[in-house]
Amino acid sequence: MVFKKKDKFSELLNSISHNLKEGATYFTEYKLNNVSDLKIFSEKMKEYETKGDSFVHEMIKQLNDAFITPIEREDLLHLAISMDDVLDGLEHCAALFEMYNITQADDYMLKFVAAIQASVAEIEKAIELLSTKKLLQIRDHAIKIKDYESQCDGILRQSIKHLFSVEKDPIRIIQYKEIYENLEEIADSSQGVANTLETIIMKNA
């Protein structure tokens, strides 16, 4: 691992993780009071997602232009894309809330979002450690990310079981089930980041 201070790849990875953290925080803290709030919520998450895409495109450009990279090109690109996948999932979930006019998150959604936000915080810490070459310390954060993903697996099972036991409206069942599954997929994407980080540790530590 030969990341240098202000290395362009390190800076891009940090930009991606900071944007992801900001997007996840906005997603978690935004208060939905009525249907008109849903459009604002969805559009703001789209802004975060678009910004994240621009960072990934810049990463691809820099990788194409670079003769030597601090770690393998495929790992740098995979790490950038896997973080972007988390943000894409959050943006898609915001779009589902708007599409289905859901202004009140239930307890299961709140549990999902809390675990995802905590996972994103671990991702940001791991990327900061990567840029300062503290590779072995990253493993603890990767483990925590996987723990949060495991929690979300459990939340998904509980949420769907509860949904089918209490909800009688078949349309509502379809809508809520899709949102629960989307939230669990976001946790899966976070685990994808952890897996890529562990690959980087294995190859470079």
N, C-alpha and C. Protein backbone atom coordinates (compact mmCIF):
# COMPACT_ATOMS: atom_id res chain seq x y z
N MET A 1 0.85 -1.20 0.00
CA MET A 1 0.00 0.00 0.00
C MET A 1 0.88 1.23 0.00
N VAL A 2 0.73 2.06 -1.02
CA VAL A 2 1.58 3.24 -1.13
C VAL A 2 0.76 4.51 -1.35
N PHE A 3 -0.39 4.60 -0.69
CA PHE A 3 -1.15 5.85 -0.76
C PHE A 3 -0.28 6.98 -0.25
N LYS A 4 -0.19 8.05 -0.99
CA LYS A 4 0.54 9.23 -0.56
C LYS A 4 -0.44 10.26 -0.05
N LYS A 5 0.07 11.22 0.69
CA LYS A 5 -0.78 12.29 1.17
C LYS A 5 -1.41 13.00 -0.03
N LYS A 6 -2.70 13.27 0.07
CA LYS A 6 -3.45 13.92 -1.01
C LYS A 6 -3.44 13.10 -2.30
N ASP A 7 -3.28 11.79 -2.18
CA ASP A 7 -3.38 10.92 -3.34
C ASP A 7 -4.77 11.08 -3.96
N LYS A 8 -4.83 11.20 -5.29
CA LYS A 8 -6.11 11.49 -5.96
C LYS A 8 -7.13 10.37 -5.76
N PHE A 9 -6.67 9.12 -5.69
CA PHE A 9 -7.59 8.00 -5.49
C PHE A 9 -8.13 8.00 -4.06
N SER A 10 -7.24 8.29 -3.13
CA SER A 10 -7.65 8.40 -1.73
C SER A 10 -8.68 9.51 -1.55
N GLU A 11 -8.42 10.65 -2.18
CA GLU A 11 -9.34 11.78 -2.08
C GLU A 11 -10.72 11.44 -2.67
N LEU A 12 -10.70 10.75 -3.80
CA LEU A 12 -11.97 10.37 -4.43
C LEU A 12 -12.76 9.39 -3.56
N LEU A 13 -12.07 8.42 -2.98
CA LEU A 13 -12.75 7.46 -2.10
C LEU A 13 -13.33 8.17 -0.88
N ASN A 14 -12.58 9.13 -0.34
CA ASN A 14 -13.08 9.90 0.80
C ASN A 14 -14.29 10.74 0.39
N SER A 15 -14.25 11.31 -0.81
CA SER A 15 -15.38 12.11 -1.30
C SER A 15 -16.63 11.24 -1.44
N ILE A 16 -16.45 10.02 -1.97
CA ILE A 16 -17.57 9.10 -2.12
C ILE A 16 -18.16 8.72 -0.77
N SER A 17 -17.28 8.41 0.19
CA SER A 17 -17.77 7.98 1.51
C SER A 17 -18.42 9.13 2.27
N HIS A 18 -17.88 10.35 2.13
CA HIS A 18 -18.49 11.51 2.81
C HIS A 18 -19.86 11.82 2.22
N ASN A 19 -19.97 11.73 0.89
CA ASN A 19 -21.26 11.97 0.24
C ASN A 19 -22.27 10.91 0.65
N LEU A 20 -21.83 9.66 0.75
CA LEU A 20 -22.69 8.58 1.21
C LEU A 20 -23.16 8.84 2.63
N LYS A 21 -22.23 9.27 3.49
CA LYS A 21 -22.59 9.56 4.89
C LYS A 21 -23.61 10.69 4.96
N GLU A 22 -23.39 11.75 4.18
CA GLU A 22 -24.34 12.87 4.17
C GLU A 22 -25.71 12.42 3.68
N GLY A 23 -25.71 11.61 2.62
CA GLY A 23 -26.97 11.11 2.08
C GLY A 23 -27.72 10.24 3.07
N ALA A 24 -26.98 9.35 3.75
CA ALA A 24 -27.60 8.46 4.73
C ALA A 24 -28.14 9.25 5.93
N THR A 25 -27.41 10.29 6.33
CA THR A 25 -27.86 11.13 7.44
C THR A 25 -29.13 11.88 7.07
N TYR A 26 -29.15 12.44 5.85
CA TYR A 26 -30.34 13.14 5.38
C TYR A 26 -31.53 12.18 5.33
N PHE A 27 -31.29 10.99 4.78
CA PHE A 27 -32.34 9.98 4.67
C PHE A 27 -32.91 9.64 6.05
N THR A 28 -32.03 9.53 7.04
CA THR A 28 -32.43 9.15 8.40
C THR A 28 -33.16 10.27 9.12
N GLU A 29 -32.71 11.50 8.93
CA GLU A 29 -33.19 12.60 9.77
C GLU A 29 -34.34 13.41 9.15
N TYR A 30 -34.56 13.25 7.84
CA TYR A 30 -35.60 14.06 7.20
C TYR A 30 -36.98 13.67 7.74
N LYS A 31 -37.75 14.67 8.11
CA LYS A 31 -39.07 14.43 8.70
C LYS A 31 -40.16 14.52 7.62
N LEU A 32 -40.83 13.42 7.39
CA LEU A 32 -41.94 13.38 6.45
C LEU A 32 -43.23 13.70 7.20
N ASN A 33 -43.84 14.83 6.88
CA ASN A 33 -45.08 15.22 7.54
C ASN A 33 -46.31 15.04 6.65
N ASN A 34 -46.11 15.24 5.34
CA ASN A 34 -47.24 15.09 4.42
C ASN A 34 -46.72 14.67 3.05
N VAL A 35 -47.65 14.47 2.14
CA VAL A 35 -47.31 13.95 0.81
C VAL A 35 -46.37 14.89 0.05
N SER A 36 -46.52 16.21 0.24
CA SER A 36 -45.66 17.16 -0.48
C SER A 36 -44.20 17.04 -0.04
N ASP A 37 -43.97 16.59 1.18
CA ASP A 37 -42.59 16.39 1.66
C ASP A 37 -41.90 15.26 0.91
N LEU A 38 -42.67 14.31 0.39
CA LEU A 38 -42.09 13.15 -0.28
C LEU A 38 -41.30 13.54 -1.52
N LYS A 39 -41.80 14.53 -2.27
CA LYS A 39 -41.11 14.97 -3.48
C LYS A 39 -39.78 15.63 -3.12
N ILE A 40 -39.78 16.45 -2.09
CA ILE A 40 -38.54 17.10 -1.63
C ILE A 40 -37.53 16.04 -1.20
N PHE A 41 -38.02 15.08 -0.43
CA PHE A 41 -37.18 13.98 0.08
C PHE A 41 -36.55 13.20 -1.08
N SER A 42 -37.38 12.81 -2.03
CA SER A 42 -36.92 12.01 -3.16
C SER A 42 -35.94 12.79 -4.03
N GLU A 43 -36.23 14.07 -4.29
CA GLU A 43 -35.36 14.89 -5.14
C GLU A 43 -34.00 15.14 -4.49
N LYS A 44 -34.00 15.35 -3.18
CA LYS A 44 -32.73 15.58 -2.48
C LYS A 44 -31.87 14.31 -2.50
N MET A 45 -32.48 13.16 -2.31
CA MET A 45 -31.72 11.91 -2.37
C MET A 45 -31.19 11.67 -3.78
N LYS A 46 -31.94 12.11 -4.79
CA LYS A 46 -31.47 12.00 -6.17
C LYS A 46 -30.23 12.86 -6.38
N GLU A 47 -30.19 14.02 -5.73
CA GLU A 47 -29.00 14.89 -5.82
C GLU A 47 -27.77 14.19 -5.24
N TYR A 48 -27.93 13.56 -4.09
CA TYR A 48 -26.81 12.82 -3.49
C TYR A 48 -26.36 11.69 -4.41
N GLU A 49 -27.34 10.99 -4.99
CA GLU A 49 -27.02 9.86 -5.86
C GLU A 49 -26.28 10.33 -7.12
N THR A 50 -26.72 11.45 -7.69
CA THR A 50 -26.07 12.01 -8.88
C THR A 50 -24.65 12.46 -8.57
N LYS A 51 -24.48 13.09 -7.42
CA LYS A 51 -23.14 13.52 -6.99
C LYS A 51 -22.22 12.31 -6.82
N GLY A 52 -22.77 11.25 -6.22
CA GLY A 52 -21.98 10.02 -6.06
C GLY A 52 -21.57 9.43 -7.39
N ASP A 53 -22.48 9.44 -8.36
CA ASP A 53 -22.16 8.94 -9.70
C ASP A 53 -21.02 9.72 -10.33
N SER A 54 -21.01 11.04 -10.13
CA SER A 54 -19.95 11.88 -10.72
C SER A 54 -18.58 11.51 -10.14
N PHE A 55 -18.55 11.18 -8.84
CA PHE A 55 -17.28 10.75 -8.22
C PHE A 55 -16.81 9.42 -8.81
N VAL A 56 -17.74 8.50 -9.02
CA VAL A 56 -17.38 7.21 -9.61
C VAL A 56 -16.85 7.39 -11.03
N HIS A 57 -17.51 8.25 -11.80
CA HIS A 57 -17.04 8.52 -13.17
C HIS A 57 -15.64 9.11 -13.16
N GLU A 58 -15.38 9.99 -12.19
CA GLU A 58 -14.04 10.58 -12.07
C GLU A 58 -13.01 9.51 -11.68
N MET A 59 -13.43 8.58 -10.82
CA MET A 59 -12.53 7.48 -10.45
C MET A 59 -12.15 6.66 -11.68
N ILE A 60 -13.15 6.35 -12.51
CA ILE A 60 -12.88 5.58 -13.73
C ILE A 60 -11.91 6.34 -14.64
N LYS A 61 -12.12 7.64 -14.78
CA LYS A 61 -11.25 8.47 -15.63
C LYS A 61 -9.82 8.46 -15.09
N GLN A 62 -9.68 8.64 -13.78
CA GLN A 62 -8.34 8.67 -13.17
C GLN A 62 -7.65 7.31 -13.29
N LEU A 63 -8.41 6.23 -13.14
CA LEU A 63 -7.83 4.89 -13.28
C LEU A 63 -7.36 4.65 -14.72
N ASN A 64 -8.12 5.14 -15.68
CA ASN A 64 -7.74 4.98 -17.08
C ASN A 64 -6.48 5.78 -17.42
N ASP A 65 -6.32 6.93 -16.75
CA ASP A 65 -5.18 7.81 -17.03
C ASP A 65 -3.91 7.42 -16.28
N ALA A 66 -4.08 6.68 -15.17
CA ALA A 66 -2.93 6.41 -14.29
C ALA A 66 -2.06 5.27 -14.83
N PHE A 67 -0.77 5.45 -14.73
CA PHE A 67 0.17 4.40 -15.11
C PHE A 67 0.34 3.42 -13.95
N ILE A 68 0.44 3.97 -12.74
CA ILE A 68 0.59 3.15 -11.53
C ILE A 68 -0.49 3.57 -10.54
N THR A 69 -1.10 2.60 -9.88
CA THR A 69 -2.10 2.89 -8.84
C THR A 69 -1.63 2.34 -7.50
N PRO A 70 -2.05 2.98 -6.38
CA PRO A 70 -1.57 2.56 -5.06
C PRO A 70 -2.01 1.16 -4.66
N ILE A 71 -3.19 0.76 -5.10
CA ILE A 71 -3.64 -0.62 -4.95
C ILE A 71 -4.24 -1.03 -6.29
N GLU A 72 -4.57 -2.28 -6.46
CA GLU A 72 -5.02 -2.76 -7.77
C GLU A 72 -6.22 -1.96 -8.29
N ARG A 73 -6.20 -1.69 -9.59
CA ARG A 73 -7.26 -0.90 -10.21
C ARG A 73 -8.64 -1.49 -9.94
N GLU A 74 -8.72 -2.81 -10.08
CA GLU A 74 -10.02 -3.47 -9.91
C GLU A 74 -10.55 -3.27 -8.49
N ASP A 75 -9.66 -3.28 -7.51
CA ASP A 75 -10.10 -3.10 -6.12
C ASP A 75 -10.54 -1.67 -5.86
N LEU A 76 -9.81 -0.70 -6.42
CA LEU A 76 -10.21 0.70 -6.28
C LEU A 76 -11.59 0.94 -6.90
N LEU A 77 -11.77 0.41 -8.10
CA LEU A 77 -13.04 0.61 -8.79
C LEU A 77 -14.17 -0.11 -8.07
N HIS A 78 -13.91 -1.34 -7.64
CA HIS A 78 -14.94 -2.12 -6.94
C HIS A 78 -15.35 -1.44 -5.64
N LEU A 79 -14.38 -0.86 -4.93
CA LEU A 79 -14.68 -0.17 -3.69
C LEU A 79 -15.55 1.06 -3.95
N ALA A 80 -15.20 1.82 -4.98
CA ALA A 80 -16.00 3.01 -5.34
C ALA A 80 -17.42 2.61 -5.72
N ILE A 81 -17.54 1.60 -6.56
CA ILE A 81 -18.87 1.17 -7.04
C ILE A 81 -19.70 0.58 -5.91
N SER A 82 -19.07 -0.18 -5.02
CA SER A 82 -19.83 -0.81 -3.93
C SER A 82 -20.38 0.24 -2.96
N MET A 83 -19.61 1.31 -2.72
CA MET A 83 -20.14 2.41 -1.89
C MET A 83 -21.28 3.12 -2.62
N ASP A 84 -21.12 3.29 -3.93
CA ASP A 84 -22.16 3.94 -4.73
C ASP A 84 -23.44 3.11 -4.73
N ASP A 85 -23.31 1.80 -4.68
CA ASP A 85 -24.49 0.91 -4.63
C ASP A 85 -25.33 1.18 -3.39
N VAL A 86 -24.68 1.47 -2.26
CA VAL A 86 -25.40 1.76 -1.02
C VAL A 86 -26.25 3.02 -1.21
N LEU A 87 -25.63 4.05 -1.78
CA LEU A 87 -26.34 5.31 -2.00
C LEU A 87 -27.45 5.15 -3.03
N ASP A 88 -27.20 4.36 -4.07
CA ASP A 88 -28.24 4.08 -5.07
C ASP A 88 -29.46 3.44 -4.40
N GLY A 89 -29.20 2.54 -3.46
CA GLY A 89 -30.29 1.87 -2.76
C GLY A 89 -31.12 2.82 -1.92
N LEU A 90 -30.44 3.75 -1.24
CA LEU A 90 -31.14 4.75 -0.44
C LEU A 90 -31.99 5.66 -1.32
N GLU A 91 -31.44 6.06 -2.46
CA GLU A 91 -32.18 6.91 -3.39
C GLU A 91 -33.41 6.17 -3.93
N HIS A 92 -33.23 4.89 -4.25
CA HIS A 92 -34.35 4.10 -4.76
C HIS A 92 -35.44 3.95 -3.69
N CYS A 93 -35.02 3.80 -2.45
CA CYS A 93 -35.99 3.66 -1.36
C CYS A 93 -36.79 4.96 -1.18
N ALA A 94 -36.11 6.10 -1.28
CA ALA A 94 -36.81 7.39 -1.20
C ALA A 94 -37.83 7.52 -2.33
N ALA A 95 -37.45 7.03 -3.51
CA ALA A 95 -38.37 7.06 -4.66
C ALA A 95 -39.59 6.17 -4.41
N LEU A 96 -39.38 5.03 -3.74
CA LEU A 96 -40.51 4.14 -3.42
C LEU A 96 -41.47 4.82 -2.44
N PHE A 97 -40.92 5.52 -1.45
CA PHE A 97 -41.77 6.24 -0.50
C PHE A 97 -42.65 7.25 -1.24
N GLU A 98 -42.05 7.96 -2.20
CA GLU A 98 -42.82 8.94 -2.95
C GLU A 98 -43.85 8.26 -3.85
N MET A 99 -43.42 7.21 -4.52
CA MET A 99 -44.31 6.51 -5.46
C MET A 99 -45.55 5.94 -4.76
N TYR A 100 -45.35 5.43 -3.53
CA TYR A 100 -46.45 4.79 -2.81
C TYR A 100 -47.11 5.73 -1.80
N ASN A 101 -46.69 7.01 -1.79
CA ASN A 101 -47.27 8.00 -0.87
C ASN A 101 -47.21 7.55 0.59
N ILE A 102 -46.06 7.03 0.99
CA ILE A 102 -45.89 6.61 2.38
C ILE A 102 -45.18 7.72 3.15
N THR A 103 -45.88 8.32 4.09
CA THR A 103 -45.32 9.43 4.85
C THR A 103 -44.95 9.03 6.28
N GLN A 104 -45.24 7.79 6.64
CA GLN A 104 -44.96 7.35 8.02
C GLN A 104 -44.18 6.04 7.98
N ALA A 105 -42.90 6.11 8.37
CA ALA A 105 -42.09 4.89 8.46
C ALA A 105 -42.51 4.11 9.70
N ASP A 106 -42.66 2.79 9.55
CA ASP A 106 -43.02 1.97 10.72
C ASP A 106 -41.76 1.58 11.50
N ASP A 107 -41.96 0.86 12.59
CA ASP A 107 -40.83 0.52 13.48
C ASP A 107 -39.77 -0.32 12.77
N TYR A 108 -40.20 -1.19 11.87
CA TYR A 108 -39.24 -2.04 11.16
C TYR A 108 -38.37 -1.21 10.21
N MET A 109 -39.01 -0.29 9.51
CA MET A 109 -38.23 0.60 8.63
C MET A 109 -37.22 1.41 9.43
N LEU A 110 -37.64 1.90 10.59
CA LEU A 110 -36.73 2.68 11.43
C LEU A 110 -35.55 1.84 11.92
N LYS A 111 -35.81 0.58 12.22
CA LYS A 111 -34.72 -0.32 12.64
C LYS A 111 -33.75 -0.56 11.49
N PHE A 112 -34.29 -0.79 10.31
CA PHE A 112 -33.44 -0.95 9.12
C PHE A 112 -32.55 0.27 8.93
N VAL A 113 -33.17 1.45 8.96
CA VAL A 113 -32.45 2.69 8.66
C VAL A 113 -31.37 2.97 9.72
N ALA A 114 -31.68 2.67 10.98
CA ALA A 114 -30.68 2.88 12.03
C ALA A 114 -29.46 1.99 11.80
N ALA A 115 -29.70 0.73 11.42
CA ALA A 115 -28.59 -0.20 11.16
C ALA A 115 -27.80 0.24 9.93
N ILE A 116 -28.49 0.71 8.90
CA ILE A 116 -27.81 1.16 7.68
C ILE A 116 -26.97 2.40 7.96
N GLN A 117 -27.53 3.35 8.71
CA GLN A 117 -26.76 4.56 9.02
C GLN A 117 -25.52 4.22 9.84
N ALA A 118 -25.65 3.30 10.78
CA ALA A 118 -24.50 2.88 11.58
C ALA A 118 -23.45 2.20 10.71
N SER A 119 -23.91 1.42 9.76
CA SER A 119 -23.02 0.73 8.83
C SER A 119 -22.27 1.74 7.96
N VAL A 120 -22.97 2.76 7.50
CA VAL A 120 -22.34 3.80 6.67
C VAL A 120 -21.27 4.55 7.46
N ALA A 121 -21.53 4.77 8.75
CA ALA A 121 -20.53 5.42 9.60
C ALA A 121 -19.26 4.57 9.69
N GLU A 122 -19.43 3.26 9.75
CA GLU A 122 -18.27 2.35 9.78
C GLU A 122 -17.52 2.38 8.44
N ILE A 123 -18.26 2.50 7.35
CA ILE A 123 -17.64 2.59 6.02
C ILE A 123 -16.76 3.84 5.96
N GLU A 124 -17.30 4.97 6.43
CA GLU A 124 -16.52 6.22 6.38
C GLU A 124 -15.24 6.10 7.20
N LYS A 125 -15.33 5.50 8.38
CA LYS A 125 -14.14 5.32 9.22
C LYS A 125 -13.11 4.44 8.53
N ALA A 126 -13.59 3.37 7.87
CA ALA A 126 -12.70 2.45 7.18
C ALA A 126 -11.97 3.13 6.02
N ILE A 127 -12.68 3.96 5.28
CA ILE A 127 -12.07 4.66 4.13
C ILE A 127 -11.02 5.65 4.63
N GLU A 128 -11.28 6.30 5.75
CA GLU A 128 -10.28 7.22 6.33
C GLU A 128 -9.02 6.45 6.72
N LEU A 129 -9.19 5.26 7.27
CA LEU A 129 -8.04 4.43 7.65
C LEU A 129 -7.28 3.97 6.41
N LEU A 130 -8.02 3.68 5.34
CA LEU A 130 -7.38 3.25 4.10
C LEU A 130 -6.48 4.35 3.55
N SER A 131 -6.95 5.59 3.62
CA SER A 131 -6.17 6.70 3.07
C SER A 131 -4.93 7.01 3.91
N THR A 132 -4.91 6.54 5.16
CA THR A 132 -3.73 6.74 6.02
C THR A 132 -2.94 5.44 6.20
N LYS A 133 -3.25 4.45 5.34
CA LYS A 133 -2.50 3.19 5.27
C LYS A 133 -2.60 2.32 6.53
N LYS A 134 -3.63 2.56 7.35
CA LYS A 134 -3.81 1.75 8.57
C LYS A 134 -4.71 0.57 8.24
N LEU A 135 -4.17 -0.33 7.44
CA LEU A 135 -4.99 -1.39 6.85
C LEU A 135 -5.55 -2.36 7.88
N LEU A 136 -4.73 -2.81 8.81
CA LEU A 136 -5.18 -3.84 9.74
C LEU A 136 -6.31 -3.33 10.65
N GLN A 137 -6.34 -2.02 10.88
CA GLN A 137 -7.41 -1.45 11.72
C GLN A 137 -8.76 -1.44 10.99
N ILE A 138 -8.71 -1.56 9.67
CA ILE A 138 -9.96 -1.55 8.89
C ILE A 138 -10.81 -2.77 9.19
N ARG A 139 -10.16 -3.88 9.53
CA ARG A 139 -10.89 -5.15 9.70
C ARG A 139 -12.00 -5.04 10.75
N ASP A 140 -11.74 -4.33 11.84
CA ASP A 140 -12.77 -4.17 12.89
C ASP A 140 -14.03 -3.51 12.33
N HIS A 141 -13.84 -2.53 11.46
CA HIS A 141 -14.99 -1.84 10.88
C HIS A 141 -15.72 -2.74 9.88
N ALA A 142 -14.97 -3.52 9.13
CA ALA A 142 -15.58 -4.46 8.19
C ALA A 142 -16.44 -5.48 8.94
N ILE A 143 -15.96 -5.94 10.08
CA ILE A 143 -16.72 -6.91 10.89
C ILE A 143 -18.02 -6.28 11.39
N LYS A 144 -17.94 -5.02 11.84
CA LYS A 144 -19.15 -4.33 12.33
C LYS A 144 -20.18 -4.15 11.21
N ILE A 145 -19.69 -3.82 10.01
CA ILE A 145 -20.60 -3.67 8.87
C ILE A 145 -21.35 -4.97 8.62
N LYS A 146 -20.63 -6.08 8.68
CA LYS A 146 -21.26 -7.39 8.47
C LYS A 146 -22.25 -7.72 9.59
N ASP A 147 -21.94 -7.29 10.80
CA ASP A 147 -22.87 -7.50 11.92
C ASP A 147 -24.18 -6.76 11.67
N TYR A 148 -24.08 -5.53 11.17
CA TYR A 148 -25.29 -4.75 10.88
C TYR A 148 -26.10 -5.41 9.76
N GLU A 149 -25.41 -5.96 8.77
CA GLU A 149 -26.11 -6.66 7.70
C GLU A 149 -26.87 -7.86 8.24
N SER A 150 -26.23 -8.58 9.17
CA SER A 150 -26.87 -9.73 9.79
C SER A 150 -28.12 -9.31 10.58
N GLN A 151 -28.02 -8.17 11.27
CA GLN A 151 -29.18 -7.63 11.98
C GLN A 151 -30.33 -7.37 11.01
N CYS A 152 -30.00 -6.81 9.85
CA CYS A 152 -31.03 -6.48 8.86
C CYS A 152 -31.68 -7.74 8.29
N ASP A 153 -30.93 -8.83 8.20
CA ASP A 153 -31.53 -10.11 7.79
C ASP A 153 -32.65 -10.49 8.76
N GLY A 154 -32.36 -10.33 10.05
CA GLY A 154 -33.35 -10.65 11.08
C GLY A 154 -34.54 -9.72 11.03
N ILE A 155 -34.28 -8.43 10.82
CA ILE A 155 -35.36 -7.45 10.74
C ILE A 155 -36.27 -7.77 9.55
N LEU A 156 -35.67 -8.20 8.45
CA LEU A 156 -36.48 -8.52 7.26
C LEU A 156 -37.45 -9.67 7.56
N ARG A 157 -36.94 -10.71 8.20
CA ARG A 157 -37.80 -11.85 8.53
C ARG A 157 -38.94 -11.42 9.46
N GLN A 158 -38.59 -10.64 10.48
CA GLN A 158 -39.61 -10.18 11.44
C GLN A 158 -40.64 -9.28 10.76
N SER A 159 -40.15 -8.37 9.92
CA SER A 159 -41.05 -7.38 9.30
C SER A 159 -42.06 -8.05 8.37
N ILE A 160 -41.59 -9.00 7.57
CA ILE A 160 -42.50 -9.66 6.63
C ILE A 160 -43.49 -10.56 7.37
N LYS A 161 -43.02 -11.24 8.39
CA LYS A 161 -43.91 -12.07 9.20
C LYS A 161 -45.02 -11.21 9.82
N HIS A 162 -44.64 -10.07 10.36
CA HIS A 162 -45.60 -9.16 10.99
C HIS A 162 -46.55 -8.58 9.94
N LEU A 163 -46.01 -8.22 8.79
CA LEU A 163 -46.82 -7.63 7.72
C LEU A 163 -47.95 -8.56 7.30
N PHE A 164 -47.63 -9.84 7.09
CA PHE A 164 -48.64 -10.79 6.62
C PHE A 164 -49.64 -11.15 7.72
N SER A 165 -49.26 -10.93 8.97
CA SER A 165 -50.17 -11.27 10.07
C SER A 165 -51.14 -10.15 10.39
N VAL A 166 -50.79 -8.89 10.07
CA VAL A 166 -51.66 -7.78 10.49
C VAL A 166 -52.28 -7.01 9.33
N GLU A 167 -51.62 -7.00 8.17
CA GLU A 167 -52.12 -6.18 7.05
C GLU A 167 -53.08 -6.99 6.18
N LYS A 168 -54.24 -6.42 5.91
CA LYS A 168 -55.25 -7.11 5.09
C LYS A 168 -55.30 -6.59 3.65
N ASP A 169 -54.80 -5.38 3.45
CA ASP A 169 -54.84 -4.78 2.11
C ASP A 169 -53.71 -5.36 1.26
N PRO A 170 -54.02 -6.11 0.20
CA PRO A 170 -52.96 -6.75 -0.60
C PRO A 170 -52.03 -5.75 -1.28
N ILE A 171 -52.56 -4.58 -1.65
CA ILE A 171 -51.71 -3.56 -2.26
C ILE A 171 -50.68 -3.06 -1.26
N ARG A 172 -51.15 -2.83 -0.03
CA ARG A 172 -50.25 -2.35 1.03
C ARG A 172 -49.18 -3.40 1.33
N ILE A 173 -49.57 -4.65 1.32
CA ILE A 173 -48.61 -5.73 1.56
C ILE A 173 -47.49 -5.69 0.50
N ILE A 174 -47.88 -5.54 -0.75
CA ILE A 174 -46.89 -5.49 -1.84
C ILE A 174 -45.95 -4.29 -1.65
N GLN A 175 -46.51 -3.13 -1.32
CA GLN A 175 -45.71 -1.92 -1.18
C GLN A 175 -44.72 -2.03 -0.01
N TYR A 176 -45.20 -2.43 1.13
CA TYR A 176 -44.34 -2.50 2.32
C TYR A 176 -43.29 -3.60 2.17
N LYS A 177 -43.69 -4.71 1.60
CA LYS A 177 -42.74 -5.81 1.39
C LYS A 177 -41.60 -5.34 0.48
N GLU A 178 -41.93 -4.59 -0.56
CA GLU A 178 -40.90 -4.10 -1.47
C GLU A 178 -39.93 -3.15 -0.75
N ILE A 179 -40.46 -2.29 0.10
CA ILE A 179 -39.60 -1.36 0.84
C ILE A 179 -38.71 -2.12 1.83
N TYR A 180 -39.29 -3.08 2.55
CA TYR A 180 -38.47 -3.88 3.48
C TYR A 180 -37.32 -4.57 2.73
N GLU A 181 -37.65 -5.18 1.60
CA GLU A 181 -36.64 -5.92 0.84
C GLU A 181 -35.59 -4.97 0.26
N ASN A 182 -36.03 -3.78 -0.14
CA ASN A 182 -35.08 -2.79 -0.64
C ASN A 182 -34.11 -2.36 0.46
N LEU A 183 -34.61 -2.16 1.66
CA LEU A 183 -33.75 -1.77 2.78
C LEU A 183 -32.75 -2.87 3.12
N GLU A 184 -33.20 -4.12 3.03
CA GLU A 184 -32.28 -5.23 3.29
C GLU A 184 -31.21 -5.31 2.20
N GLU A 185 -31.58 -4.98 0.97
CA GLU A 185 -30.61 -4.97 -0.13
C GLU A 185 -29.55 -3.89 0.08
N ILE A 186 -29.94 -2.76 0.68
CA ILE A 186 -28.97 -1.71 1.00
C ILE A 186 -27.95 -2.24 2.00
N ALA A 187 -28.43 -2.99 2.98
CA ALA A 187 -27.52 -3.61 3.95
C ALA A 187 -26.59 -4.61 3.26
N ASP A 188 -27.12 -5.35 2.30
CA ASP A 188 -26.29 -6.27 1.51
C ASP A 188 -25.20 -5.51 0.76
N SER A 189 -25.56 -4.35 0.21
CA SER A 189 -24.57 -3.53 -0.50
C SER A 189 -23.48 -3.04 0.46
N SER A 190 -23.87 -2.71 1.69
CA SER A 190 -22.88 -2.32 2.70
C SER A 190 -21.92 -3.47 2.98
N GLN A 191 -22.46 -4.68 3.03
CA GLN A 191 -21.60 -5.84 3.23
C GLN A 191 -20.66 -6.02 2.04
N GLY A 192 -21.12 -5.65 0.85
CA GLY A 192 -20.26 -5.69 -0.32
C GLY A 192 -19.05 -4.78 -0.16
N VAL A 193 -19.26 -3.62 0.45
CA VAL A 193 -18.14 -2.71 0.75
C VAL A 193 -17.17 -3.40 1.71
N ALA A 194 -17.72 -4.03 2.76
CA ALA A 194 -16.87 -4.72 3.74
C ALA A 194 -16.06 -5.83 3.08
N ASN A 195 -16.68 -6.58 2.19
CA ASN A 195 -15.96 -7.66 1.50
C ASN A 195 -14.81 -7.12 0.66
N THR A 196 -15.05 -6.00 -0.03
CA THR A 196 -14.00 -5.39 -0.85
C THR A 196 -12.86 -4.88 0.04
N LEU A 197 -13.21 -4.28 1.16
CA LEU A 197 -12.18 -3.80 2.10
C LEU A 197 -11.32 -4.97 2.60
N GLU A 198 -11.97 -6.09 2.89
CA GLU A 198 -11.22 -7.26 3.38
C GLU A 198 -10.30 -7.81 2.29
N THR A 199 -10.74 -7.75 1.05
CA THR A 199 -9.89 -8.18 -0.08
C THR A 199 -8.65 -7.30 -0.17
N ILE A 200 -8.85 -5.98 0.00
CA ILE A 200 -7.74 -5.03 -0.06
C ILE A 200 -6.75 -5.29 1.08
N ILE A 201 -7.29 -5.55 2.26
CA ILE A 201 -6.41 -5.86 3.42
C ILE A 201 -5.58 -7.09 3.13
N MET A 202 -6.24 -8.13 2.62
CA MET A 202 -5.56 -9.40 2.36
C MET A 202 -4.43 -9.22 1.36
N LYS A 203 -4.64 -8.40 0.34
CA LYS A 203 -3.65 -8.25 -0.72
C LYS A 203 -2.52 -7.30 -0.35
N ASN A 204 -2.80 -6.34 0.55
CA ASN A 204 -1.84 -5.25 0.75
C ASN A 204 -1.26 -5.13 2.15
N ALA A 205 -1.85 -5.78 3.15
CA ALA A 205 -1.35 -5.60 4.52
C ALA A 205 -0.06 -6.38 4.73
